[in-house]
PDB file of N, CA and C in Angstrom:
ATOM      1  N   MET A   1       2.967 -22.872  90.814  1.00  0.00           N
ATOM      2  CA  MET A   1       3.308 -22.552  89.516  1.00  0.00           C
ATOM      3  C   MET A   1       1.976 -22.509  88.830  1.00  0.00           C
ATOM      4  N   ILE A   2       1.892 -21.492  87.904  1.00  0.00           N
ATOM      5  CA  ILE A   2       0.575 -21.125  87.135  1.00  0.00           C
ATOM      6  C   ILE A   2       0.361 -22.172  86.025  1.00  0.00           C
ATOM      7  N   ASN A   3      -0.901 -22.807  86.106  1.00  0.00           N
ATOM      8  CA  ASN A   3      -1.071 -23.789  84.878  1.00  0.00           C
ATOM      9  C   ASN A   3      -1.585 -22.928  83.603  1.00  0.00           C
ATOM     10  N   ASN A   4      -1.587 -23.671  82.625  1.00  0.00           N
ATOM     11  CA  ASN A   4      -1.854 -22.998  81.246  1.00  0.00           C
ATOM     12  C   ASN A   4      -3.198 -22.330  81.187  1.00  0.00           C
ATOM     13  N   SER A   5      -4.205 -22.743  81.921  1.00  0.00           N
ATOM     14  CA  SER A   5      -5.489 -22.184  81.875  1.00  0.00           C
ATOM     15  C   SER A   5      -5.474 -20.709  82.328  1.00  0.00           C
ATOM     16  N   GLN A   6      -4.541 -20.429  83.077  1.00  0.00           N
ATOM     17  CA  GLN A   6      -4.397 -19.100  83.759  1.00  0.00           C
ATOM     18  C   GLN A   6      -3.479 -18.171  82.919  1.00  0.00           C
ATOM     19  N   LYS A   7      -3.050 -18.598  81.733  1.00  0.00           N
ATOM     20  CA  LYS A   7      -2.102 -17.834  80.963  1.00  0.00           C
ATOM     21  C   LYS A   7      -2.896 -17.231  79.812  1.00  0.00           C
ATOM     22  N   GLN A   8      -2.363 -16.054  79.455  1.00  0.00           N
ATOM     23  CA  GLN A   8      -3.065 -15.328  78.243  1.00  0.00           C
ATOM     24  C   GLN A   8      -2.125 -15.289  77.156  1.00  0.00           C
ATOM     25  N   ARG A   9      -2.525 -15.490  75.881  1.00  0.00           N
ATOM     26  CA  ARG A   9      -1.928 -15.320  74.712  1.00  0.00           C
ATOM     27  C   ARG A   9      -1.619 -13.868  74.345  1.00  0.00           C
ATOM     28  N   ILE A  10      -0.509 -13.499  73.956  1.00  0.00           N
ATOM     29  CA  ILE A  10      -0.142 -12.111  73.459  1.00  0.00           C
ATOM     30  C   ILE A  10       0.582 -12.152  72.143  1.00  0.00           C
ATOM     31  N   SER A  11       0.564 -11.000  71.550  1.00  0.00           N
ATOM     32  CA  SER A  11       1.328 -10.840  70.286  1.00  0.00           C
ATOM     33  C   SER A  11       2.265  -9.702  70.616  1.00  0.00           C
ATOM     34  N   ILE A  12       3.687  -9.875  70.407  1.00  0.00           N
ATOM     35  CA  ILE A  12       4.658  -8.889  70.529  1.00  0.00           C
ATOM     36  C   ILE A  12       5.533  -8.739  69.309  1.00  0.00           C
ATOM     37  N   THR A  13       6.191  -7.705  69.133  1.00  0.00           N
ATOM     38  CA  THR A  13       7.100  -7.381  68.014  1.00  0.00           C
ATOM     39  C   THR A  13       8.522  -7.424  68.693  1.00  0.00           C
ATOM     40  N   VAL A  14       9.434  -8.180  68.180  1.00  0.00           N
ATOM     41  CA  VAL A  14      10.778  -8.264  68.752  1.00  0.00           C
ATOM     42  C   VAL A  14      11.802  -8.090  67.666  1.00  0.00           C
ATOM     43  N   ASP A  15      12.939  -7.519  68.082  1.00  0.00           N
ATOM     44  CA  ASP A  15      13.838  -7.383  67.114  1.00  0.00           C
ATOM     45  C   ASP A  15      14.428  -8.816  66.541  1.00  0.00           C
ATOM     46  N   ALA A  16      14.648  -8.909  65.227  1.00  0.00           N
ATOM     47  CA  ALA A  16      14.842 -10.162  64.598  1.00  0.00           C
ATOM     48  C   ALA A  16      16.080 -10.747  65.041  1.00  0.00           C
ATOM     49  N   HIS A  17      17.099  -9.985  65.201  1.00  0.00           N
ATOM     50  CA  HIS A  17      18.458 -10.558  65.652  1.00  0.00           C
ATOM     51  C   HIS A  17      18.287 -11.108  67.106  1.00  0.00           C
ATOM     52  N   LEU A  18      17.564 -10.360  67.878  1.00  0.00           N
ATOM     53  CA  LEU A  18      17.440 -10.777  69.312  1.00  0.00           C
ATOM     54  C   LEU A  18      16.623 -12.147  69.382  1.00  0.00           C
ATOM     55  N   LEU A  19      15.633 -12.277  68.483  1.00  0.00           N
ATOM     56  CA  LEU A  19      14.651 -13.431  68.473  1.00  0.00           C
ATOM     57  C   LEU A  19      15.691 -14.617  67.991  1.00  0.00           C
ATOM     58  N   GLU A  20      16.583 -14.387  67.040  1.00  0.00           N
ATOM     59  CA  GLU A  20      17.422 -15.496  66.523  1.00  0.00           C
ATOM     60  C   GLU A  20      18.304 -16.013  67.648  1.00  0.00           C
ATOM     61  N   GLU A  21      18.833 -15.054  68.423  1.00  0.00           N
ATOM     62  CA  GLU A  21      19.664 -15.419  69.660  1.00  0.00           C
ATOM     63  C   GLU A  21      18.859 -16.182  70.695  1.00  0.00           C
ATOM     64  N   ILE A  22      17.714 -15.786  70.912  1.00  0.00           N
ATOM     65  CA  ILE A  22      16.808 -16.361  71.866  1.00  0.00           C
ATOM     66  C   ILE A  22      16.563 -17.882  71.419  1.00  0.00           C
ATOM     67  N   ASP A  23      16.212 -17.977  70.047  1.00  0.00           N
ATOM     68  CA  ASP A  23      15.948 -19.270  69.503  1.00  0.00           C
ATOM     69  C   ASP A  23      17.109 -20.158  69.560  1.00  0.00           C
ATOM     70  N   GLN A  24      18.279 -19.653  69.551  1.00  0.00           N
ATOM     71  CA  GLN A  24      19.482 -20.497  69.778  1.00  0.00           C
ATOM     72  C   GLN A  24      19.610 -20.986  71.112  1.00  0.00           C
ATOM     73  N   MET A  25      19.153 -20.283  72.040  1.00  0.00           N
ATOM     74  CA  MET A  25      19.202 -20.576  73.520  1.00  0.00           C
ATOM     75  C   MET A  25      18.180 -21.473  74.024  1.00  0.00           C
ATOM     76  N   THR A  26      17.005 -21.431  73.368  1.00  0.00           N
ATOM     77  CA  THR A  26      15.895 -22.168  73.994  1.00  0.00           C
ATOM     78  C   THR A  26      14.935 -22.621  72.930  1.00  0.00           C
ATOM     79  N   LYS A  27      14.213 -23.622  73.134  1.00  0.00           N
ATOM     80  CA  LYS A  27      13.092 -24.179  72.204  1.00  0.00           C
ATOM     81  C   LYS A  27      11.749 -23.604  72.596  1.00  0.00           C
ATOM     82  N   ASN A  28      11.705 -22.915  73.762  1.00  0.00           N
ATOM     83  CA  ASN A  28      10.455 -22.429  74.141  1.00  0.00           C
ATOM     84  C   ASN A  28      10.483 -20.909  74.288  1.00  0.00           C
ATOM     85  N   ARG A  29      10.140 -20.230  73.147  1.00  0.00           N
ATOM     86  CA  ARG A  29      10.072 -18.693  73.207  1.00  0.00           C
ATOM     87  C   ARG A  29       9.148 -18.147  74.273  1.00  0.00           C
ATOM     88  N   SER A  30       8.004 -18.766  74.350  1.00  0.00           N
ATOM     89  CA  SER A  30       7.126 -18.200  75.532  1.00  0.00           C
ATOM     90  C   SER A  30       7.700 -18.304  76.876  1.00  0.00           C
ATOM     91  N   ALA A  31       8.336 -19.400  77.204  1.00  0.00           N
ATOM     92  CA  ALA A  31       9.072 -19.482  78.557  1.00  0.00           C
ATOM     93  C   ALA A  31      10.082 -18.372  78.695  1.00  0.00           C
ATOM     94  N   ALA A  32      10.821 -18.179  77.505  1.00  0.00           N
ATOM     95  CA  ALA A  32      12.016 -17.225  77.603  1.00  0.00           C
ATOM     96  C   ALA A  32      11.332 -15.718  77.835  1.00  0.00           C
ATOM     97  N   VAL A  33      10.304 -15.397  77.154  1.00  0.00           N
ATOM     98  CA  VAL A  33       9.639 -14.116  77.251  1.00  0.00           C
ATOM     99  C   VAL A  33       9.036 -14.053  78.601  1.00  0.00           C
ATOM    100  N   GLU A  34       8.421 -14.970  79.088  1.00  0.00           N
ATOM    101  CA  GLU A  34       7.852 -14.969  80.408  1.00  0.00           C
ATOM    102  C   GLU A  34       8.865 -14.705  81.583  1.00  0.00           C
ATOM    103  N   GLU A  35       9.932 -15.434  81.457  1.00  0.00           N
ATOM    104  CA  GLU A  35      11.043 -15.220  82.372  1.00  0.00           C
ATOM    105  C   GLU A  35      11.665 -13.922  82.320  1.00  0.00           C
ATOM    106  N   GLY A  36      11.808 -13.375  81.052  1.00  0.00           N
ATOM    107  CA  GLY A  36      12.283 -11.983  80.802  1.00  0.00           C
ATOM    108  C   GLY A  36      11.446 -10.931  81.404  1.00  0.00           C
ATOM    109  N   LEU A  37      10.027 -11.258  81.325  1.00  0.00           N
ATOM    110  CA  LEU A  37       9.046 -10.322  82.057  1.00  0.00           C
ATOM    111  C   LEU A  37       9.242 -10.312  83.494  1.00  0.00           C
ATOM    112  N   ARG A  38       9.360 -11.563  84.069  1.00  0.00           N
ATOM    113  CA  ARG A  38       9.462 -11.693  85.500  1.00  0.00           C
ATOM    114  C   ARG A  38      10.804 -10.987  85.934  1.00  0.00           C
ATOM    115  N   LEU A  39      11.803 -11.079  85.205  1.00  0.00           N
ATOM    116  CA  LEU A  39      13.126 -10.419  85.637  1.00  0.00           C
ATOM    117  C   LEU A  39      12.944  -8.862  85.597  1.00  0.00           C
ATOM    118  N   TRP A  40      12.203  -8.471  84.461  1.00  0.00           N
ATOM    119  CA  TRP A  40      12.007  -7.088  84.393  1.00  0.00           C
ATOM    120  C   TRP A  40      11.115  -6.538  85.504  1.00  0.00           C
ATOM    121  N   ARG A  41      10.145  -7.107  85.812  1.00  0.00           N
ATOM    122  CA  ARG A  41       9.233  -6.830  86.905  1.00  0.00           C
ATOM    123  C   ARG A  41      10.002  -6.782  88.198  1.00  0.00           C
ATOM    124  N   LYS A  42      10.805  -7.767  88.418  1.00  0.00           N
ATOM    125  CA  LYS A  42      11.681  -7.799  89.748  1.00  0.00           C
ATOM    126  C   LYS A  42      12.556  -6.548  89.651  1.00  0.00           C
ATOM    127  N   GLN A  43      13.193  -6.188  88.623  1.00  0.00           N
ATOM    128  CA  GLN A  43      14.090  -4.980  88.557  1.00  0.00           C
ATOM    129  C   GLN A  43      13.307  -3.755  88.757  1.00  0.00           C
ATOM    130  N   GLN A  44      12.034  -3.622  88.215  1.00  0.00           N
ATOM    131  CA  GLN A  44      11.191  -2.515  88.507  1.00  0.00           C
ATOM    132  C   GLN A  44      10.748  -2.347  90.009  1.00  0.00           C
ATOM    133  N   ILE A  45      10.533  -3.433  90.660  1.00  0.00           N
ATOM    134  CA  ILE A  45      10.326  -3.412  92.084  1.00  0.00           C
ATOM    135  C   ILE A  45      11.389  -2.993  92.976  1.00  0.00           C
ATOM    136  N   GLU A  46      12.539  -3.571  92.535  1.00  0.00           N
ATOM    137  CA  GLU A  46      13.818  -3.182  93.204  1.00  0.00           C
ATOM    138  C   GLU A  46      14.147  -1.856  93.044  1.00  0.00           C
ATOM    139  N   GLU A  47      13.946  -1.193  91.931  1.00  0.00           N
ATOM    140  CA  GLU A  47      14.222   0.260  91.601  1.00  0.00           C
ATOM    141  C   GLU A  47      13.177   1.152  92.457  1.00  0.00           C
ATOM    142  N   GLN A  48      12.016   0.740  92.543  1.00  0.00           N
ATOM    143  CA  GLN A  48      11.072   1.411  93.436  1.00  0.00           C
ATOM    144  C   GLN A  48      11.499   1.427  94.822  1.00  0.00           C
ATOM    145  N   LEU A  49      11.893   0.331  95.321  1.00  0.00           N
ATOM    146  CA  LEU A  49      12.398   0.188  96.695  1.00  0.00           C
ATOM    147  C   LEU A  49      13.564   1.113  96.856  1.00  0.00           C
ATOM    148  N   ARG A  50      14.463   0.927  96.064  1.00  0.00           N
ATOM    149  CA  ARG A  50      15.831   1.713  96.086  1.00  0.00           C
ATOM    150  C   ARG A  50      15.539   3.200  96.201  1.00  0.00           C
ATOM    151  N   ASN A  51      14.562   3.719  95.270  1.00  0.00           N
ATOM    152  CA  ASN A  51      14.108   5.066  95.181  1.00  0.00           C
ATOM    153  C   ASN A  51      13.464   5.570  96.466  1.00  0.00           C
ATOM    154  N   PHE A  52      12.486   4.571  97.087  1.00  0.00           N
ATOM    155  CA  PHE A  52      11.891   4.912  98.275  1.00  0.00           C
ATOM    156  C   PHE A  52      12.921   5.084  99.482  1.00  0.00           C
ATOM    157  N   TYR A  53      13.800   4.162  99.535  1.00  0.00           N
ATOM    158  CA  TYR A  53      14.828   4.227 100.679  1.00  0.00           C
ATOM    159  C   TYR A  53      15.867   5.342 100.436  1.00  0.00           C
ATOM    160  N   GLN A  54      16.211   5.672  99.267  1.00  0.00           N
ATOM    161  CA  GLN A  54      17.063   6.810  99.034  1.00  0.00           C
ATOM    162  C   GLN A  54      16.536   8.150  99.223  1.00  0.00           C
ATOM    163  N   ASN A  55      15.291   8.256  99.183  1.00  0.00           N
ATOM    164  CA  ASN A  55      14.627   9.561  99.281  1.00  0.00           C
ATOM    165  C   ASN A  55      13.822   9.774 100.523  1.00  0.00           C
ATOM    166  N   ARG A  56      14.207   8.993 101.475  1.00  0.00           N
ATOM    167  CA  ARG A  56      13.496   9.220 102.822  1.00  0.00           C
ATOM    168  C   ARG A  56      14.104  10.504 103.565  1.00  0.00           C
ATOM    169  N   SER A  57      13.107  10.949 104.410  1.00  0.00           N
ATOM    170  CA  SER A  57      13.606  12.280 105.022  1.00  0.00           C
ATOM    171  C   SER A  57      14.530  11.722 106.300  1.00  0.00           C
ATOM    172  N   GLN A  58      15.200  12.763 106.768  1.00  0.00           N
ATOM    173  CA  GLN A  58      16.091  12.491 107.881  1.00  0.00           C
ATOM    174  C   GLN A  58      15.152  12.021 109.153  1.00  0.00           C
ATOM    175  N   ALA A  59      14.018  12.739 109.364  1.00  0.00           N
ATOM    176  CA  ALA A  59      13.044  12.319 110.354  1.00  0.00           C
ATOM    177  C   ALA A  59      12.644  10.844 110.353  1.00  0.00           C
ATOM    178  N   ASP A  60      12.346  10.498 109.049  1.00  0.00           N
ATOM    179  CA  ASP A  60      11.876   9.074 108.836  1.00  0.00           C
ATOM    180  C   ASP A  60      13.025   8.090 109.173  1.00  0.00           C
ATOM    181  N   ILE A  61      14.272   8.446 108.791  1.00  0.00           N
ATOM    182  CA  ILE A  61      15.428   7.578 109.142  1.00  0.00           C
ATOM    183  C   ILE A  61      15.584   7.490 110.629  1.00  0.00           C
ATOM    184  N   GLU A  62      15.485   8.679 111.279  1.00  0.00           N
ATOM    185  CA  GLU A  62      15.700   8.658 112.814  1.00  0.00           C
ATOM    186  C   GLU A  62      14.550   7.856 113.400  1.00  0.00           C
ATOM    187  N   PHE A  63      13.359   7.957 112.980  1.00  0.00           N
ATOM    188  CA  PHE A  63      12.220   7.184 113.531  1.00  0.00           C
ATOM    189  C   PHE A  63      12.393   5.769 113.443  1.00  0.00           C
ATOM    190  N   GLU A  64      12.910   5.284 112.120  1.00  0.00           N
ATOM    191  CA  GLU A  64      13.032   3.892 112.024  1.00  0.00           C
ATOM    192  C   GLU A  64      14.232   3.336 112.833  1.00  0.00           C
ATOM    193  N   GLN A  65      15.238   4.155 113.057  1.00  0.00           N
ATOM    194  CA  GLN A  65      16.318   3.721 113.897  1.00  0.00           C
ATOM    195  C   GLN A  65      15.932   3.545 115.402  1.00  0.00           C
ATOM    196  N   GLU A  66      15.168   4.519 115.881  1.00  0.00           N
ATOM    197  CA  GLU A  66      14.545   4.388 117.157  1.00  0.00           C
ATOM    198  C   GLU A  66      13.530   3.135 117.207  1.00  0.00           C
ATOM    199  N   TRP A  67      12.843   2.945 116.306  1.00  0.00           N
ATOM    200  CA  TRP A  67      11.756   1.951 116.288  1.00  0.00           C
ATOM    201  C   TRP A  67      12.687   0.614 116.322  1.00  0.00           C
ATOM    202  N   THR A  68      13.575   0.520 115.490  1.00  0.00           N
ATOM    203  CA  THR A  68      14.426  -0.774 115.479  1.00  0.00           C
ATOM    204  C   THR A  68      15.041  -1.067 116.920  1.00  0.00           C
ATOM    205  N   GLU A  69      15.637   0.049 117.453  1.00  0.00           N
ATOM    206  CA  GLU A  69      16.274  -0.345 118.814  1.00  0.00           C
ATOM    207  C   GLU A  69      15.281  -0.703 119.841  1.00  0.00           C
ATOM    208  N   GLU A  70      14.043   0.008 119.877  1.00  0.00           N
ATOM    209  CA  GLU A  70      13.023  -0.361 120.827  1.00  0.00           C
ATOM    210  C   GLU A  70      12.616  -1.807 120.653  1.00  0.00           C
ATOM    211  N   THR A  71      12.316  -2.177 119.423  1.00  0.00           N
ATOM    212  CA  THR A  71      11.745  -3.514 119.073  1.00  0.00           C
ATOM    213  C   THR A  71      12.831  -4.601 119.469  1.00  0.00           C
ATOM    214  N   GLN A  72      13.982  -4.260 119.042  1.00  0.00           N
ATOM    215  CA  GLN A  72      15.019  -5.179 119.199  1.00  0.00           C
ATOM    216  C   GLN A  72      15.227  -5.443 120.804  1.00  0.00           C
ATOM    217  N   GLU A  73      15.143  -4.410 121.556  1.00  0.00           N
ATOM    218  CA  GLU A  73      15.232  -4.570 123.049  1.00  0.00           C
ATOM    219  C   GLU A  73      14.097  -5.473 123.532  1.00  0.00           C
ATOM    220  N   GLN A  74      12.924  -5.224 122.973  1.00  0.00           N
ATOM    221  CA  GLN A  74      11.812  -6.000 123.451  1.00  0.00           C
ATOM    222  C   GLN A  74      11.871  -7.427 122.946  1.00  0.00           C
ATOM    223  N   ALA A  75      12.393  -7.612 121.878  1.00  0.00           N
ATOM    224  CA  ALA A  75      12.510  -9.022 121.392  1.00  0.00           C
ATOM    225  C   ALA A  75      13.519  -9.883 122.196  1.00  0.00           C
ATOM    226  N   ILE A  76      14.681  -9.127 122.555  1.00  0.00           N
ATOM    227  CA  ILE A  76      15.650  -9.848 123.450  1.00  0.00           C
ATOM    228  C   ILE A  76      15.142 -10.129 124.737  1.00  0.00           C
ATOM    229  N   ALA A  77      14.255  -9.141 125.245  1.00  0.00           N
ATOM    230  CA  ALA A  77      13.689  -9.322 126.676  1.00  0.00           C
ATOM    231  C   ALA A  77      12.756 -10.578 126.434  1.00  0.00           C
ATOM    232  N   ALA A  78      11.973 -10.657 125.586  1.00  0.00           N
ATOM    233  CA  ALA A  78      11.005 -11.726 125.272  1.00  0.00           C
ATOM    234  C   ALA A  78      11.808 -13.025 125.235  1.00  0.00           C
ATOM    235  N   TRP A  79      12.738 -13.042 124.457  1.00  0.00           N
ATOM    236  CA  TRP A  79      13.738 -14.192 124.228  1.00  0.00           C
ATOM    237  C   TRP A  79      14.147 -14.738 125.455  1.00  0.00           C
ATOM    238  N   ASP A  80      14.597 -13.784 126.373  1.00  0.00           N
ATOM    239  CA  ASP A  80      15.140 -14.202 127.636  1.00  0.00           C
ATOM    240  C   ASP A  80      14.117 -14.713 128.696  1.00  0.00           C
ATOM    241  N   GLU A  81      12.893 -14.290 128.427  1.00  0.00           N
ATOM    242  CA  GLU A  81      11.865 -14.858 129.295  1.00  0.00           C
ATOM    243  C   GLU A  81      11.301 -16.194 128.801  1.00  0.00           C
ATOM    244  N   PHE A  82      11.498 -16.567 127.647  1.00  0.00           N
ATOM    245  CA  PHE A  82      10.974 -17.794 127.104  1.00  0.00           C
ATOM    246  C   PHE A  82      11.793 -18.936 127.625  1.00  0.00           C
ATOM    247  N   PRO A  83      11.145 -20.057 128.140  1.00  0.00           N
ATOM    248  CA  PRO A  83      11.948 -21.164 128.708  1.00  0.00           C
ATOM    249  C   PRO A  83      12.421 -21.991 127.554  1.00  0.00           C
ATOM    250  N   TRP A  84      13.506 -21.624 126.854  1.00  0.00           N
ATOM    251  CA  TRP A  84      14.043 -22.431 125.682  1.00  0.00           C
ATOM    252  C   TRP A  84      14.542 -23.795 126.192  1.00  0.00           C
ATOM    253  N   ASP A  85      15.204 -23.822 127.302  1.00  0.00           N
ATOM    254  CA  ASP A  85      15.801 -25.125 127.842  1.00  0.00           C
ATOM    255  C   ASP A  85      14.731 -25.717 128.618  1.00  0.00           C
ATOM    256  N   GLU A  86      14.002 -26.676 128.101  1.00  0.00           N
ATOM    257  CA  GLU A  86      12.940 -27.395 128.905  1.00  0.00           C
ATOM    258  C   GLU A  86      13.514 -28.520 129.837  1.00  0.00           C
ATOM    259  N   SER A  87      14.878 -28.762 129.813  1.00  0.00           N
ATOM    260  CA  SER A  87      15.397 -29.795 130.732  1.00  0.00           C
ATOM    261  C   SER A  87      15.556 -29.161 132.071  1.00  0.00           C
ATOM    262  N   LYS A  88      15.478 -27.818 132.282  1.00  0.00           N
ATOM    263  CA  LYS A  88      15.667 -27.298 133.544  1.00  0.00           C
ATOM    264  C   LYS A  88      14.514 -27.445 134.350  1.00  0.00           C
TER     265      LYS A  88
END
């Protein structure tokens, strides 16, 4: 968790009705705004990822499928070679 010395004070303008609703839900406006910004940031990242994966070329999709199959086979082979059961 970030301590207060790493935080910066900002000034924002917020709809009065929204602020009243927030004040009814919490005693800590700063924490509410900070959590809201975290959620917004998470949504932005998810949207970027969604756009990236939805706009891949067919060649990229096929390459990823081939890579997945090859690495999965290698992982299974390595797993089979590892002496998991030390009692033998």
